[in-house]
């Protein structure tokens, strides 16, 4: 897989996820005034949704590939949807 645009977008998505993961508890505590222990579920919600959406995207990708789509086209579509 030597497609620099896909690698670049994936690195950007990963960076945003990491920053959000580190920043969210501070934001919820300082800006929203929530207790960190009480808001643990809220902090986990985006990652639970990400896990669910990953499963859906994987199954959708498999179906598109089975219908004859090119792998690169499927990757581009999934990145477009996730961004």
Protein backbone atom coordinates (compact mmCIF):
# COMPACT_ATOMS: atom_id res chain seq x y z
CA UNK A 1 0.00 0.00 0.00
CA UNK A 2 2.01 2.91 -1.25
CA UNK A 3 -0.71 5.53 -1.50
CA UNK A 4 0.60 8.60 0.33
CA UNK A 5 -2.80 10.32 0.45
CA UNK A 6 -4.35 7.42 2.38
CA UNK A 7 -1.42 7.22 4.77
CA UNK A 8 -1.53 10.99 5.32
CA UNK A 9 -5.27 11.06 6.05
CA UNK A 10 -5.03 8.06 8.37
CA UNK A 11 -2.22 9.70 10.34
CA UNK A 12 -4.29 12.87 10.65
CA UNK A 13 -7.35 10.96 11.87
CA UNK A 14 -5.20 9.11 14.42
CA UNK A 15 -3.64 12.36 15.65
CA UNK A 16 -7.06 13.97 16.14
CA UNK A 17 -8.29 10.90 18.05
CA UNK A 18 -5.24 10.96 20.33
CA UNK A 19 -5.57 14.68 21.07
CA UNK A 20 -9.29 14.28 21.77
CA UNK A 21 -8.58 11.34 24.07
CA UNK A 22 -6.10 13.38 26.11
CA UNK A 23 -8.12 16.60 26.08
CA UNK A 24 -11.67 15.40 26.79
CA UNK A 25 -11.39 14.71 30.55
CA UNK A 26 -9.83 18.13 31.15
CA UNK A 27 -12.52 19.85 29.10
CA UNK A 28 -15.32 18.03 30.89
CA UNK A 29 -13.86 18.86 34.27
CA UNK A 30 -12.79 22.48 33.76
CA UNK A 31 -15.33 23.79 31.25
CA UNK A 32 -18.42 21.74 32.05
CA UNK A 33 -17.79 21.34 35.78
CA UNK A 34 -18.34 17.59 35.71
CA UNK A 35 -16.78 15.23 38.21
CA UNK A 36 -14.29 13.02 36.36
CA UNK A 37 -15.48 9.85 38.09
CA UNK A 38 -19.11 10.60 37.30
CA UNK A 39 -18.35 11.47 33.68
CA UNK A 40 -16.32 8.36 32.85
CA UNK A 41 -19.16 7.02 30.72
CA UNK A 42 -19.31 10.24 28.74
CA UNK A 43 -15.57 10.07 28.10
CA UNK A 44 -15.88 6.50 26.86
CA UNK A 45 -18.88 7.16 24.58
CA UNK A 46 -16.92 8.44 21.53
CA UNK A 47 -14.61 5.43 21.65
CA UNK A 48 -17.53 3.01 21.98
CA UNK A 49 -19.12 4.63 18.93
CA UNK A 50 -15.79 4.41 17.09
CA UNK A 51 -15.64 0.67 17.81
CA UNK A 52 -19.21 0.18 16.59
CA UNK A 53 -18.65 2.24 13.44
CA UNK A 54 -15.44 0.31 12.71
CA UNK A 55 -17.44 -2.92 12.68
CA UNK A 56 -20.06 -1.42 10.38
CA UNK A 57 -17.40 0.01 8.04
CA UNK A 58 -15.60 -3.33 7.90
CA UNK A 59 -18.74 -5.22 6.93
CA UNK A 60 -19.66 -2.56 4.39
CA UNK A 61 -16.15 -2.68 2.89
CA UNK A 62 -16.35 -6.46 2.56
CA UNK A 63 -19.68 -6.16 0.72
CA UNK A 64 -18.33 -3.50 -1.64
CA UNK A 65 -15.24 -5.59 -2.41
CA UNK A 66 -17.46 -8.63 -3.05
CA UNK A 67 -19.46 -6.52 -5.55
CA UNK A 68 -16.28 -5.82 -7.51
CA UNK A 69 -15.16 -2.44 -6.17
CA UNK A 70 -11.43 -1.77 -6.29
CA UNK A 71 -9.75 -1.91 -2.87
CA UNK A 72 -8.35 1.61 -3.26
CA UNK A 73 -11.81 3.00 -4.05
CA UNK A 74 -13.26 1.31 -0.96
CA UNK A 75 -10.46 2.70 1.23
CA UNK A 76 -10.98 6.19 -0.13
CA UNK A 77 -14.73 5.98 0.47
CA UNK A 78 -14.29 4.79 4.07
CA UNK A 79 -11.79 7.56 4.79
CA UNK A 80 -14.13 10.12 3.25
CA UNK A 81 -17.04 8.91 5.40
CA UNK A 82 -14.96 8.78 8.59
CA UNK A 83 -13.50 12.24 8.11
